[in-house]
N, C-alpha and C. Protein backbone atom coordinates (compact mmCIF):
# COMPACT_ATOMS: atom_id res chain seq x y z
N MET A 1 0.85 -1.19 0.00
CA MET A 1 0.00 0.00 0.00
C MET A 1 0.88 1.24 0.00
N ARG A 2 0.72 2.10 -1.02
CA ARG A 2 1.55 3.29 -1.09
C ARG A 2 1.00 4.35 -0.15
N ALA A 3 1.88 5.03 0.54
CA ALA A 3 1.45 6.07 1.47
C ALA A 3 2.33 7.30 1.28
N ALA A 4 1.79 8.45 1.62
CA ALA A 4 2.58 9.67 1.61
C ALA A 4 3.65 9.55 2.69
N LEU A 5 4.73 10.32 2.53
CA LEU A 5 5.86 10.18 3.45
C LEU A 5 5.70 11.03 4.70
N GLU A 6 4.84 12.05 4.65
CA GLU A 6 4.70 12.94 5.80
C GLU A 6 3.98 12.24 6.95
N GLN A 7 4.61 12.24 8.12
CA GLN A 7 4.01 11.60 9.29
C GLN A 7 3.44 12.65 10.23
N PHE A 8 2.35 12.29 10.92
CA PHE A 8 1.79 13.18 11.94
C PHE A 8 1.26 12.31 13.07
N ARG A 9 1.11 12.91 14.25
CA ARG A 9 0.67 12.15 15.41
C ARG A 9 -0.85 12.23 15.53
N LEU A 10 -1.47 11.09 15.82
CA LEU A 10 -2.92 11.00 15.86
C LEU A 10 -3.34 10.16 17.06
N PRO A 11 -4.31 10.62 17.87
CA PRO A 11 -4.85 9.75 18.92
C PRO A 11 -5.55 8.56 18.27
N LEU A 12 -5.37 7.37 18.84
CA LEU A 12 -5.95 6.17 18.24
C LEU A 12 -7.02 5.57 19.15
N PHE A 13 -8.09 5.10 18.53
CA PHE A 13 -9.21 4.47 19.24
C PHE A 13 -9.35 3.06 18.67
N PRO A 14 -8.73 2.05 19.30
CA PRO A 14 -8.89 0.68 18.81
C PRO A 14 -10.30 0.15 19.11
N LEU A 15 -10.95 -0.40 18.10
CA LEU A 15 -12.33 -0.90 18.23
C LEU A 15 -12.45 -2.26 17.57
N ASN A 16 -13.48 -2.99 17.95
CA ASN A 16 -13.81 -4.24 17.25
C ASN A 16 -14.68 -3.90 16.04
N ALA A 17 -14.17 -2.99 15.23
CA ALA A 17 -14.90 -2.54 14.04
C ALA A 17 -13.90 -1.97 13.05
N VAL A 18 -14.27 -2.03 11.77
CA VAL A 18 -13.47 -1.42 10.71
C VAL A 18 -14.31 -0.29 10.13
N VAL A 19 -13.71 0.89 10.02
CA VAL A 19 -14.40 2.06 9.49
C VAL A 19 -13.82 2.37 8.11
N PHE A 20 -14.70 2.62 7.14
CA PHE A 20 -14.27 2.86 5.77
C PHE A 20 -14.45 4.33 5.39
N PRO A 21 -13.54 4.88 4.60
CA PRO A 21 -13.66 6.29 4.19
C PRO A 21 -15.05 6.62 3.66
N GLY A 22 -15.56 7.77 4.09
CA GLY A 22 -16.88 8.20 3.65
C GLY A 22 -18.02 7.65 4.49
N GLY A 23 -17.70 6.79 5.45
CA GLY A 23 -18.73 6.17 6.27
C GLY A 23 -19.10 7.03 7.48
N TRP A 24 -20.17 6.62 8.14
CA TRP A 24 -20.68 7.31 9.32
C TRP A 24 -20.74 6.29 10.45
N LEU A 25 -20.21 6.66 11.62
CA LEU A 25 -20.18 5.71 12.73
C LEU A 25 -20.57 6.41 14.03
N PRO A 26 -21.69 5.98 14.67
CA PRO A 26 -22.02 6.50 16.00
C PRO A 26 -21.23 5.73 17.06
N LEU A 27 -20.79 6.43 18.09
CA LEU A 27 -20.02 5.79 19.17
C LEU A 27 -20.55 6.23 20.52
N ARG A 28 -20.45 5.31 21.47
CA ARG A 28 -20.83 5.60 22.87
C ARG A 28 -19.54 5.55 23.68
N ILE A 29 -19.13 6.68 24.23
CA ILE A 29 -17.84 6.81 24.91
C ILE A 29 -18.05 6.87 26.41
N PHE A 30 -17.32 6.03 27.14
CA PHE A 30 -17.45 6.07 28.61
C PHE A 30 -16.12 5.93 29.34
N GLU A 31 -15.09 5.37 28.68
CA GLU A 31 -13.79 5.26 29.34
C GLU A 31 -13.13 6.64 29.41
N GLN A 32 -12.50 6.94 30.54
CA GLN A 32 -11.98 8.28 30.76
C GLN A 32 -10.99 8.72 29.68
N ARG A 33 -10.10 7.81 29.27
CA ARG A 33 -9.09 8.20 28.27
C ARG A 33 -9.73 8.62 26.96
N TYR A 34 -10.85 7.94 26.60
CA TYR A 34 -11.52 8.28 25.34
C TYR A 34 -12.44 9.48 25.51
N LEU A 35 -13.02 9.65 26.71
CA LEU A 35 -13.79 10.87 26.98
C LEU A 35 -12.89 12.09 26.81
N ASP A 36 -11.68 12.02 27.41
CA ASP A 36 -10.73 13.14 27.29
C ASP A 36 -10.34 13.38 25.84
N MET A 37 -10.09 12.27 25.11
CA MET A 37 -9.69 12.37 23.71
C MET A 37 -10.77 13.04 22.86
N VAL A 38 -12.03 12.60 23.06
CA VAL A 38 -13.13 13.12 22.25
C VAL A 38 -13.43 14.58 22.63
N LYS A 39 -13.39 14.90 23.92
CA LYS A 39 -13.63 16.29 24.33
C LYS A 39 -12.61 17.22 23.70
N GLN A 40 -11.35 16.77 23.64
CA GLN A 40 -10.29 17.55 23.00
C GLN A 40 -10.55 17.70 21.51
N ALA A 41 -10.96 16.59 20.88
CA ALA A 41 -11.26 16.62 19.44
C ALA A 41 -12.40 17.59 19.13
N ILE A 42 -13.43 17.61 19.99
CA ILE A 42 -14.57 18.52 19.79
C ILE A 42 -14.12 19.98 20.01
N ALA A 43 -13.38 20.20 21.09
CA ALA A 43 -12.94 21.56 21.42
C ALA A 43 -12.05 22.15 20.33
N ASP A 44 -11.14 21.33 19.79
CA ASP A 44 -10.16 21.82 18.80
C ASP A 44 -10.57 21.55 17.36
N ASP A 45 -11.71 20.86 17.16
CA ASP A 45 -12.14 20.44 15.82
C ASP A 45 -11.03 19.67 15.10
N THR A 46 -10.48 18.70 15.83
CA THR A 46 -9.39 17.87 15.28
C THR A 46 -9.85 16.42 15.16
N PRO A 47 -9.20 15.63 14.30
CA PRO A 47 -9.62 14.24 14.11
C PRO A 47 -8.94 13.30 15.10
N PHE A 48 -9.42 12.06 15.10
CA PHE A 48 -8.69 10.95 15.74
C PHE A 48 -8.78 9.76 14.81
N GLY A 49 -8.04 8.72 15.13
CA GLY A 49 -7.99 7.56 14.25
C GLY A 49 -8.69 6.36 14.85
N ILE A 50 -9.45 5.64 14.04
CA ILE A 50 -10.06 4.38 14.47
C ILE A 50 -9.35 3.24 13.78
N CYS A 51 -8.86 2.29 14.58
CA CYS A 51 -8.19 1.09 14.06
C CYS A 51 -8.90 -0.14 14.61
N ALA A 52 -9.03 -1.16 13.80
CA ALA A 52 -9.56 -2.43 14.30
C ALA A 52 -8.54 -3.07 15.23
N ILE A 53 -9.04 -3.82 16.20
CA ILE A 53 -8.18 -4.47 17.19
C ILE A 53 -7.63 -5.78 16.63
N ARG A 54 -6.31 -5.89 16.64
CA ARG A 54 -5.65 -7.13 16.21
C ARG A 54 -5.48 -8.07 17.39
N GLU A 55 -5.12 -7.52 18.55
CA GLU A 55 -4.99 -8.29 19.80
C GLU A 55 -5.46 -7.43 20.96
N GLY A 56 -6.19 -8.07 21.88
CA GLY A 56 -6.64 -7.34 23.07
C GLY A 56 -8.13 -7.06 23.03
N ALA A 57 -8.55 -6.11 23.89
CA ALA A 57 -9.97 -5.79 24.03
C ALA A 57 -10.17 -4.28 23.98
N GLU A 58 -11.45 -3.87 23.82
CA GLU A 58 -11.75 -2.44 23.72
C GLU A 58 -11.53 -1.71 25.03
N THR A 59 -11.71 -2.41 26.16
CA THR A 59 -11.53 -1.76 27.46
C THR A 59 -10.31 -2.34 28.16
N GLY A 60 -9.85 -1.63 29.18
CA GLY A 60 -8.69 -2.11 29.93
C GLY A 60 -7.38 -1.68 29.28
N ALA A 61 -6.39 -2.56 29.33
CA ALA A 61 -5.06 -2.24 28.78
C ALA A 61 -5.17 -1.91 27.29
N PRO A 62 -4.32 -1.00 26.79
CA PRO A 62 -4.39 -0.63 25.37
C PRO A 62 -4.26 -1.86 24.46
N ALA A 63 -5.19 -1.97 23.52
CA ALA A 63 -5.18 -3.09 22.57
C ALA A 63 -4.12 -2.85 21.50
N VAL A 64 -3.74 -3.92 20.83
CA VAL A 64 -2.81 -3.82 19.69
C VAL A 64 -3.65 -3.64 18.43
N PRO A 65 -3.52 -2.49 17.76
CA PRO A 65 -4.35 -2.25 16.58
C PRO A 65 -3.70 -2.78 15.31
N TYR A 66 -4.53 -2.98 14.29
CA TYR A 66 -4.00 -3.21 12.94
C TYR A 66 -3.28 -1.94 12.49
N ALA A 67 -2.37 -2.08 11.54
CA ALA A 67 -1.53 -0.94 11.12
C ALA A 67 -2.27 0.05 10.22
N VAL A 68 -3.37 -0.37 9.60
CA VAL A 68 -4.11 0.55 8.73
C VAL A 68 -5.44 0.87 9.39
N GLY A 69 -5.71 2.17 9.55
CA GLY A 69 -6.96 2.63 10.14
C GLY A 69 -7.53 3.77 9.33
N THR A 70 -8.56 4.42 9.90
CA THR A 70 -9.25 5.50 9.20
C THR A 70 -9.40 6.70 10.13
N ARG A 71 -9.10 7.87 9.59
CA ARG A 71 -9.23 9.10 10.35
C ARG A 71 -10.69 9.53 10.37
N VAL A 72 -11.19 9.96 11.52
CA VAL A 72 -12.59 10.39 11.64
C VAL A 72 -12.67 11.75 12.31
N HIS A 73 -13.76 12.46 12.01
CA HIS A 73 -14.08 13.74 12.64
C HIS A 73 -15.41 13.61 13.37
N VAL A 74 -15.54 14.24 14.51
CA VAL A 74 -16.81 14.26 15.24
C VAL A 74 -17.73 15.26 14.54
N THR A 75 -18.94 14.82 14.17
CA THR A 75 -19.90 15.70 13.50
C THR A 75 -21.04 16.11 14.42
N ASP A 76 -21.28 15.35 15.47
CA ASP A 76 -22.36 15.68 16.42
C ASP A 76 -22.07 14.97 17.73
N TRP A 77 -22.57 15.53 18.82
CA TRP A 77 -22.35 14.88 20.11
C TRP A 77 -23.47 15.22 21.08
N ASP A 78 -23.62 14.38 22.11
CA ASP A 78 -24.63 14.59 23.14
C ASP A 78 -24.14 13.86 24.39
N MET A 79 -24.47 14.40 25.56
CA MET A 79 -24.13 13.73 26.82
C MET A 79 -25.42 13.51 27.59
N PRO A 80 -26.11 12.37 27.34
CA PRO A 80 -27.41 12.13 27.97
C PRO A 80 -27.31 11.93 29.48
N GLN A 81 -26.15 11.48 29.95
CA GLN A 81 -25.92 11.35 31.39
C GLN A 81 -24.44 11.56 31.68
N ALA A 82 -24.14 11.93 32.91
CA ALA A 82 -22.75 12.24 33.27
C ALA A 82 -21.86 11.04 33.01
N GLY A 83 -20.74 11.29 32.35
CA GLY A 83 -19.76 10.23 32.13
C GLY A 83 -19.98 9.38 30.90
N ILE A 84 -21.06 9.66 30.15
CA ILE A 84 -21.31 8.92 28.90
C ILE A 84 -21.55 9.92 27.77
N LEU A 85 -20.75 9.81 26.73
CA LEU A 85 -20.81 10.73 25.61
C LEU A 85 -21.23 9.97 24.36
N HIS A 86 -22.25 10.44 23.69
CA HIS A 86 -22.68 9.86 22.41
C HIS A 86 -22.17 10.77 21.30
N ILE A 87 -21.46 10.21 20.34
CA ILE A 87 -20.96 11.02 19.24
C ILE A 87 -21.28 10.37 17.90
N ASP A 88 -21.39 11.22 16.87
CA ASP A 88 -21.44 10.75 15.48
C ASP A 88 -20.11 11.12 14.85
N THR A 89 -19.55 10.20 14.07
CA THR A 89 -18.28 10.49 13.40
C THR A 89 -18.42 10.26 11.91
N GLN A 90 -17.71 11.08 11.15
CA GLN A 90 -17.63 10.93 9.69
C GLN A 90 -16.21 10.48 9.35
N ALA A 91 -16.10 9.38 8.61
CA ALA A 91 -14.79 8.82 8.28
C ALA A 91 -14.19 9.54 7.07
N GLU A 92 -12.89 9.80 7.18
CA GLU A 92 -12.18 10.50 6.11
C GLU A 92 -11.20 9.53 5.45
N GLU A 93 -9.92 9.89 5.37
CA GLU A 93 -9.00 9.02 4.64
C GLU A 93 -8.36 7.96 5.53
N ARG A 94 -7.79 6.97 4.88
CA ARG A 94 -7.06 5.91 5.59
C ARG A 94 -5.67 6.40 5.97
N PHE A 95 -5.07 5.70 6.93
CA PHE A 95 -3.69 6.00 7.30
C PHE A 95 -2.98 4.71 7.67
N VAL A 96 -1.65 4.77 7.68
CA VAL A 96 -0.81 3.65 8.12
C VAL A 96 -0.10 4.07 9.39
N VAL A 97 -0.19 3.23 10.42
CA VAL A 97 0.50 3.51 11.69
C VAL A 97 1.95 3.03 11.56
N ARG A 98 2.88 3.95 11.76
CA ARG A 98 4.31 3.60 11.69
C ARG A 98 4.88 3.26 13.06
N SER A 99 4.36 3.89 14.12
CA SER A 99 4.80 3.58 15.50
C SER A 99 3.71 4.06 16.46
N THR A 100 3.67 3.46 17.65
CA THR A 100 2.68 3.87 18.65
C THR A 100 3.36 4.13 19.99
N ARG A 101 2.68 4.89 20.81
CA ARG A 101 3.12 5.05 22.20
C ARG A 101 1.87 5.18 23.06
N THR A 102 1.99 4.75 24.31
CA THR A 102 0.88 4.86 25.26
C THR A 102 1.13 6.07 26.14
N GLU A 103 0.18 7.00 26.13
CA GLU A 103 0.29 8.23 26.93
C GLU A 103 0.03 7.89 28.40
N PRO A 104 0.41 8.81 29.33
CA PRO A 104 0.24 8.53 30.77
C PRO A 104 -1.18 8.13 31.17
N GLY A 105 -2.19 8.68 30.51
CA GLY A 105 -3.58 8.34 30.86
C GLY A 105 -4.07 7.04 30.23
N GLY A 106 -3.20 6.36 29.47
CA GLY A 106 -3.59 5.09 28.85
C GLY A 106 -4.03 5.21 27.41
N LEU A 107 -4.07 6.45 26.87
CA LEU A 107 -4.47 6.63 25.48
C LEU A 107 -3.32 6.24 24.55
N LEU A 108 -3.68 5.52 23.49
CA LEU A 108 -2.71 5.13 22.48
C LEU A 108 -2.64 6.23 21.42
N THR A 109 -1.43 6.67 21.09
CA THR A 109 -1.28 7.61 19.98
C THR A 109 -0.33 6.98 18.97
N GLY A 110 -0.48 7.39 17.73
CA GLY A 110 0.35 6.80 16.68
C GLY A 110 1.01 7.87 15.82
N SER A 111 2.19 7.55 15.33
CA SER A 111 2.80 8.35 14.28
C SER A 111 2.34 7.71 12.98
N VAL A 112 1.56 8.45 12.20
CA VAL A 112 0.87 7.85 11.05
C VAL A 112 1.17 8.61 9.76
N GLU A 113 0.94 7.92 8.66
CA GLU A 113 1.04 8.51 7.31
C GLU A 113 -0.31 8.35 6.63
N ALA A 114 -0.77 9.42 5.99
CA ALA A 114 -2.03 9.34 5.24
C ALA A 114 -1.83 8.47 4.00
N VAL A 115 -2.87 7.76 3.62
CA VAL A 115 -2.86 6.94 2.40
C VAL A 115 -3.64 7.68 1.33
N SER A 116 -3.10 7.74 0.14
CA SER A 116 -3.78 8.42 -0.96
C SER A 116 -5.17 7.82 -1.18
N ALA A 117 -6.15 8.68 -1.40
CA ALA A 117 -7.51 8.20 -1.66
C ALA A 117 -7.56 7.47 -2.99
N GLU A 118 -8.36 6.41 -3.05
CA GLU A 118 -8.54 5.70 -4.32
C GLU A 118 -9.34 6.59 -5.26
N PRO A 119 -8.92 6.73 -6.52
CA PRO A 119 -9.70 7.53 -7.46
C PRO A 119 -11.02 6.83 -7.79
N ALA A 120 -12.07 7.61 -7.99
CA ALA A 120 -13.36 7.03 -8.38
C ALA A 120 -13.19 6.21 -9.64
N SER A 121 -13.92 5.09 -9.72
CA SER A 121 -13.83 4.25 -10.92
C SER A 121 -15.20 3.65 -11.23
N ALA A 122 -15.41 3.37 -12.51
CA ALA A 122 -16.69 2.81 -12.96
C ALA A 122 -16.88 1.39 -12.44
N ILE A 123 -18.13 0.98 -12.36
CA ILE A 123 -18.44 -0.36 -11.88
C ILE A 123 -18.52 -1.32 -13.07
N PRO A 124 -17.69 -2.37 -13.08
CA PRO A 124 -17.76 -3.34 -14.18
C PRO A 124 -19.17 -3.94 -14.28
N ALA A 125 -19.62 -4.15 -15.50
CA ALA A 125 -21.00 -4.63 -15.74
C ALA A 125 -21.30 -5.91 -14.98
N GLU A 126 -20.29 -6.80 -14.86
CA GLU A 126 -20.55 -8.10 -14.20
C GLU A 126 -20.69 -7.97 -12.68
N LEU A 127 -20.45 -6.76 -12.17
CA LEU A 127 -20.54 -6.56 -10.71
C LEU A 127 -21.73 -5.67 -10.32
N GLU A 128 -22.68 -5.50 -11.25
CA GLU A 128 -23.85 -4.65 -10.98
C GLU A 128 -24.72 -5.18 -9.84
N LEU A 129 -24.62 -6.50 -9.56
CA LEU A 129 -25.38 -7.08 -8.44
C LEU A 129 -25.08 -6.33 -7.15
N ALA A 130 -23.82 -5.95 -6.97
CA ALA A 130 -23.41 -5.25 -5.75
C ALA A 130 -24.17 -3.93 -5.59
N VAL A 131 -24.36 -3.22 -6.70
CA VAL A 131 -25.08 -1.95 -6.66
C VAL A 131 -26.54 -2.18 -6.31
N GLU A 132 -27.16 -3.20 -6.93
CA GLU A 132 -28.57 -3.51 -6.65
C GLU A 132 -28.78 -3.81 -5.17
N ILE A 133 -27.88 -4.63 -4.61
CA ILE A 133 -28.00 -5.00 -3.19
C ILE A 133 -27.84 -3.77 -2.31
N LEU A 134 -26.86 -2.93 -2.63
CA LEU A 134 -26.63 -1.73 -1.81
C LEU A 134 -27.82 -0.78 -1.88
N ARG A 135 -28.39 -0.60 -3.06
CA ARG A 135 -29.60 0.24 -3.19
C ARG A 135 -30.72 -0.28 -2.29
N HIS A 136 -30.89 -1.60 -2.28
CA HIS A 136 -31.92 -2.22 -1.45
C HIS A 136 -31.64 -1.97 0.04
N ILE A 137 -30.37 -2.15 0.45
CA ILE A 137 -30.00 -1.96 1.86
C ILE A 137 -30.26 -0.52 2.28
N ILE A 138 -29.86 0.45 1.44
CA ILE A 138 -30.07 1.86 1.79
C ILE A 138 -31.56 2.18 1.84
N GLY A 139 -32.34 1.55 0.94
CA GLY A 139 -33.79 1.72 0.98
C GLY A 139 -34.39 1.21 2.28
N GLU A 140 -33.83 0.11 2.81
CA GLU A 140 -34.32 -0.48 4.06
C GLU A 140 -33.92 0.34 5.28
N TYR A 141 -32.65 0.75 5.33
CA TYR A 141 -32.11 1.41 6.52
C TYR A 141 -32.32 2.92 6.53
N GLY A 142 -32.50 3.50 5.36
CA GLY A 142 -32.70 4.95 5.29
C GLY A 142 -31.39 5.71 5.15
N THR A 143 -31.51 6.94 4.72
CA THR A 143 -30.32 7.73 4.43
C THR A 143 -29.62 8.24 5.69
N ALA A 144 -30.25 8.13 6.85
CA ALA A 144 -29.58 8.56 8.09
C ALA A 144 -28.31 7.76 8.31
N HIS A 145 -28.33 6.48 7.95
CA HIS A 145 -27.15 5.62 8.10
C HIS A 145 -26.20 5.74 6.92
N PHE A 146 -26.68 6.30 5.83
CA PHE A 146 -25.87 6.43 4.61
C PHE A 146 -25.99 7.86 4.10
N PRO A 147 -25.25 8.78 4.73
CA PRO A 147 -25.40 10.19 4.34
C PRO A 147 -25.08 10.41 2.86
N ALA A 148 -25.83 11.34 2.25
CA ALA A 148 -25.55 11.73 0.87
C ALA A 148 -24.21 12.46 0.81
N PRO A 149 -23.57 12.53 -0.35
CA PRO A 149 -24.07 12.04 -1.64
C PRO A 149 -23.86 10.54 -1.82
N HIS A 150 -24.80 9.91 -2.50
CA HIS A 150 -24.70 8.49 -2.85
C HIS A 150 -24.06 8.37 -4.23
N GLU A 151 -23.02 7.55 -4.29
CA GLU A 151 -22.26 7.42 -5.56
C GLU A 151 -22.38 6.00 -6.09
N PHE A 152 -23.57 5.66 -6.57
CA PHE A 152 -23.83 4.30 -7.02
C PHE A 152 -23.07 3.92 -8.29
N ASP A 153 -22.47 4.92 -8.95
CA ASP A 153 -21.69 4.62 -10.16
C ASP A 153 -20.18 4.56 -9.87
N ASN A 154 -19.82 4.65 -8.59
CA ASN A 154 -18.41 4.67 -8.19
C ASN A 154 -18.07 3.39 -7.44
N ALA A 155 -17.20 2.58 -8.02
CA ALA A 155 -16.85 1.28 -7.42
C ALA A 155 -16.21 1.43 -6.03
N VAL A 156 -15.50 2.53 -5.81
CA VAL A 156 -14.86 2.75 -4.51
C VAL A 156 -15.94 2.94 -3.44
N TRP A 157 -16.88 3.85 -3.70
CA TRP A 157 -17.94 4.16 -2.73
C TRP A 157 -18.82 2.94 -2.46
N VAL A 158 -19.25 2.27 -3.53
CA VAL A 158 -20.11 1.09 -3.38
C VAL A 158 -19.38 0.00 -2.57
N GLY A 159 -18.12 -0.22 -2.89
CA GLY A 159 -17.34 -1.24 -2.17
C GLY A 159 -17.17 -0.93 -0.70
N PHE A 160 -16.90 0.34 -0.39
CA PHE A 160 -16.75 0.73 1.02
C PHE A 160 -18.06 0.57 1.78
N ARG A 161 -19.17 1.01 1.18
CA ARG A 161 -20.45 0.93 1.90
C ARG A 161 -20.87 -0.53 2.12
N LEU A 162 -20.68 -1.39 1.12
CA LEU A 162 -21.02 -2.81 1.30
C LEU A 162 -20.10 -3.46 2.34
N SER A 163 -18.83 -3.09 2.31
CA SER A 163 -17.88 -3.66 3.28
C SER A 163 -18.32 -3.33 4.71
N GLU A 164 -18.90 -2.15 4.90
CA GLU A 164 -19.37 -1.73 6.24
C GLU A 164 -20.52 -2.60 6.72
N VAL A 165 -21.49 -2.84 5.85
CA VAL A 165 -22.76 -3.41 6.31
C VAL A 165 -22.87 -4.93 6.22
N LEU A 166 -22.09 -5.56 5.36
CA LEU A 166 -22.22 -7.01 5.22
C LEU A 166 -21.62 -7.73 6.43
N PRO A 167 -22.18 -8.88 6.80
CA PRO A 167 -21.71 -9.62 7.99
C PRO A 167 -20.42 -10.40 7.71
N LEU A 168 -19.34 -9.67 7.59
CA LEU A 168 -18.03 -10.27 7.30
C LEU A 168 -17.18 -10.29 8.57
N LYS A 169 -16.25 -11.24 8.64
CA LYS A 169 -15.32 -11.29 9.76
C LYS A 169 -14.51 -10.00 9.80
N LEU A 170 -14.09 -9.64 11.02
CA LEU A 170 -13.29 -8.42 11.20
C LEU A 170 -12.03 -8.45 10.34
N SER A 171 -11.37 -9.61 10.28
CA SER A 171 -10.13 -9.71 9.50
C SER A 171 -10.38 -9.52 8.01
N VAL A 172 -11.56 -9.98 7.53
CA VAL A 172 -11.91 -9.80 6.12
C VAL A 172 -12.17 -8.32 5.83
N LYS A 173 -12.91 -7.67 6.73
CA LYS A 173 -13.16 -6.23 6.56
C LYS A 173 -11.86 -5.45 6.56
N GLN A 174 -10.93 -5.86 7.43
CA GLN A 174 -9.64 -5.18 7.48
C GLN A 174 -8.89 -5.34 6.15
N ASN A 175 -8.93 -6.54 5.58
CA ASN A 175 -8.29 -6.77 4.28
C ASN A 175 -8.92 -5.90 3.19
N LEU A 176 -10.25 -5.74 3.25
CA LEU A 176 -10.94 -4.90 2.27
C LEU A 176 -10.56 -3.43 2.43
N LEU A 177 -10.34 -3.01 3.69
CA LEU A 177 -9.90 -1.64 3.94
C LEU A 177 -8.50 -1.40 3.37
N GLU A 178 -7.64 -2.38 3.54
CA GLU A 178 -6.23 -2.21 3.14
C GLU A 178 -6.03 -2.31 1.63
N MET A 179 -7.00 -2.89 0.94
CA MET A 179 -6.91 -3.09 -0.49
C MET A 179 -6.96 -1.76 -1.24
N ASN A 180 -6.19 -1.64 -2.32
CA ASN A 180 -6.23 -0.41 -3.12
C ASN A 180 -6.79 -0.66 -4.51
N ASP A 181 -7.51 -1.76 -4.68
CA ASP A 181 -8.08 -2.13 -5.98
C ASP A 181 -9.59 -2.22 -5.82
N SER A 182 -10.31 -1.17 -6.27
CA SER A 182 -11.75 -1.10 -6.02
C SER A 182 -12.51 -2.20 -6.76
N ALA A 183 -12.05 -2.58 -7.96
CA ALA A 183 -12.73 -3.65 -8.71
C ALA A 183 -12.56 -4.99 -7.99
N MET A 184 -11.37 -5.25 -7.48
CA MET A 184 -11.13 -6.51 -6.75
C MET A 184 -11.97 -6.55 -5.47
N ARG A 185 -12.05 -5.43 -4.76
CA ARG A 185 -12.86 -5.36 -3.54
C ARG A 185 -14.31 -5.70 -3.86
N LEU A 186 -14.81 -5.11 -4.94
CA LEU A 186 -16.20 -5.33 -5.34
C LEU A 186 -16.42 -6.77 -5.80
N ARG A 187 -15.42 -7.35 -6.44
CA ARG A 187 -15.51 -8.75 -6.90
C ARG A 187 -15.63 -9.69 -5.69
N ILE A 188 -14.81 -9.45 -4.65
CA ILE A 188 -14.86 -10.27 -3.44
C ILE A 188 -16.23 -10.16 -2.77
N LEU A 189 -16.75 -8.93 -2.69
CA LEU A 189 -18.05 -8.70 -2.06
C LEU A 189 -19.18 -9.35 -2.88
N THR A 190 -19.07 -9.28 -4.21
CA THR A 190 -20.10 -9.89 -5.07
C THR A 190 -20.11 -11.41 -4.91
N GLU A 191 -18.92 -12.00 -4.81
CA GLU A 191 -18.85 -13.46 -4.58
C GLU A 191 -19.51 -13.82 -3.26
N PHE A 192 -19.26 -13.02 -2.24
CA PHE A 192 -19.89 -13.24 -0.92
C PHE A 192 -21.41 -13.16 -1.05
N LEU A 193 -21.90 -12.14 -1.74
CA LEU A 193 -23.35 -11.96 -1.91
C LEU A 193 -23.98 -13.12 -2.67
N LYS A 194 -23.30 -13.61 -3.69
CA LYS A 194 -23.83 -14.74 -4.47
C LYS A 194 -23.97 -15.98 -3.61
N LYS A 195 -23.01 -16.19 -2.69
CA LYS A 195 -23.08 -17.35 -1.80
C LYS A 195 -24.28 -17.24 -0.85
N GLN A 196 -24.64 -16.01 -0.48
CA GLN A 196 -25.76 -15.80 0.45
C GLN A 196 -27.11 -16.12 -0.21
N VAL A 197 -27.21 -15.84 -1.52
CA VAL A 197 -28.50 -16.05 -2.19
C VAL A 197 -28.65 -17.46 -2.77
N ASN A 198 -27.55 -18.17 -2.90
CA ASN A 198 -27.63 -19.53 -3.45
C ASN A 198 -28.03 -20.54 -2.37
């Protein structure tokens, strides 16, 4: 995976989830280290990084994240009760973690490099099933879960949205995130969909 050479430091939030560029993810924050991280992100309008967990758990000692994650920005927040923060996040570009350190409060931060965004590409005719399924899913769930603009003619966007919602193993989703070939990603997802309907 080619990445830009410029490194920057980013707070990391290891989760049992993979977030794809352009996606929307609501989070419920209650651990002090992440409350502090999110409050800072809201106050400064700065991003943080979400990485899937390779080893460990979401709570307790810092988990070992996969090396490729996604930068997110907080778009909305609410604190329905003391000590619990509900936030909405919008996913931006991917990054590669080059090194990590654990801060005194237990927060993991990483020295990361941004990954170039995949250019939009047309959907091969033999993979149109993926678009049909995604249209159906968005029709069922509503646009609140899939903010506009919808790019049904873009293999990158369709592949990312299907990767989010289909019931795939975490490791498979991580592989789809790390992939830089939108047609191949869509081909893998289409094969998965065909197995579900057969």
